[in-house]
Amino acid sequence: MAHGGPALDKARQSAFTSIKANADRHAANVLPIIREMQRAGAKSLRDVVDALNARGVATARSGRW
C-alpha cells in the first residue's frame, strides 16, 4: 500500500505521465537525427553517440550521450 494518501498517489501519477511524455517527445526529436547519422555512415552505437555529442544534441536530461 502506498503511503501519503490519494493526493500523493495522484501527484505521482501526474509526474510519471509528464516525465514519460517529455521522454517520448525527446525521442521523437532525436530519432530523425540518428537516422541521418546512420545514412551518413554511422555503424555502431559509439559512432552515433560521438556524432550526437559533436553536434551538441543533449540527452532528455540535458546531459551528454
Protein backbone atom coordinates (compact mmCIF):
# COMPACT_ATOMS: atom_id res chain seq x y z
CA MET A 1 0.00 0.00 0.00
CA ALA A 2 1.30 3.45 -0.93
CA HIS A 3 1.89 5.98 1.83
CA GLY A 4 0.60 9.52 1.68
CA GLY A 5 -2.98 9.02 0.64
CA PRO A 6 -4.85 9.61 -2.60
CA ALA A 7 -3.45 13.11 -3.23
CA LEU A 8 0.12 11.81 -3.23
CA ASP A 9 -0.84 8.90 -5.48
CA LYS A 10 -2.46 11.34 -7.91
CA ALA A 11 0.64 13.59 -7.84
CA ARG A 12 2.92 10.60 -8.52
CA GLN A 13 0.80 9.50 -11.47
CA SER A 14 0.76 13.03 -12.87
CA ALA A 15 4.55 13.28 -12.54
CA PHE A 16 5.03 9.90 -14.20
CA THR A 17 2.77 10.90 -17.09
CA SER A 18 4.64 14.17 -17.57
CA ILE A 19 8.08 12.53 -17.45
CA LYS A 20 7.04 9.88 -19.95
CA ALA A 21 5.55 12.47 -22.32
CA ASN A 22 8.76 14.52 -22.20
CA ALA A 23 10.90 11.43 -22.85
CA ASP A 24 8.69 10.38 -25.77
CA ARG A 25 8.85 13.89 -27.24
CA HIS A 26 12.64 13.98 -26.92
CA ALA A 27 12.99 10.54 -28.54
CA ALA A 28 10.78 11.64 -31.45
CA ASN A 29 13.00 14.69 -31.97
CA VAL A 30 16.30 12.78 -31.76
CA LEU A 31 15.32 9.79 -33.91
CA PRO A 32 15.47 11.64 -37.26
CA ILE A 33 18.95 12.92 -36.34
CA ILE A 34 20.09 9.37 -35.56
CA ARG A 35 18.63 8.07 -38.84
CA GLU A 36 20.52 10.82 -40.71
CA MET A 37 23.75 9.81 -38.99
CA GLN A 38 23.18 6.18 -39.94
CA ARG A 39 22.62 7.17 -43.57
CA ALA A 40 25.88 9.15 -43.39
CA GLY A 41 27.76 6.05 -42.29
CA ALA A 42 27.44 5.68 -38.51
CA LYS A 43 27.62 1.93 -37.98
CA SER A 44 27.85 1.46 -34.23
CA LEU A 45 26.22 2.96 -31.18
CA ARG A 46 29.58 4.57 -30.39
CA ASP A 47 29.52 6.28 -33.83
CA VAL A 48 26.02 7.62 -33.11
CA VAL A 49 26.92 8.75 -29.59
CA ASP A 50 30.04 10.53 -30.79
CA ALA A 51 28.08 12.27 -33.54
CA LEU A 52 25.28 13.33 -31.17
CA ASN A 53 27.81 14.78 -28.74
CA ALA A 54 29.73 16.50 -31.55
CA ARG A 55 26.50 18.16 -32.70
CA GLY A 56 25.64 19.23 -29.18
CA VAL A 57 22.45 17.14 -29.07
CA ALA A 58 21.67 16.63 -25.40
CA THR A 59 20.01 13.67 -23.74
CA ALA A 60 16.48 14.08 -22.38
CA ARG A 61 18.01 15.21 -19.07
CA SER A 62 20.32 17.72 -20.79
CA GLY A 63 23.43 15.58 -20.49
CA ARG A 64 25.96 14.11 -22.88
CA TRP A 65 25.41 10.76 -24.51
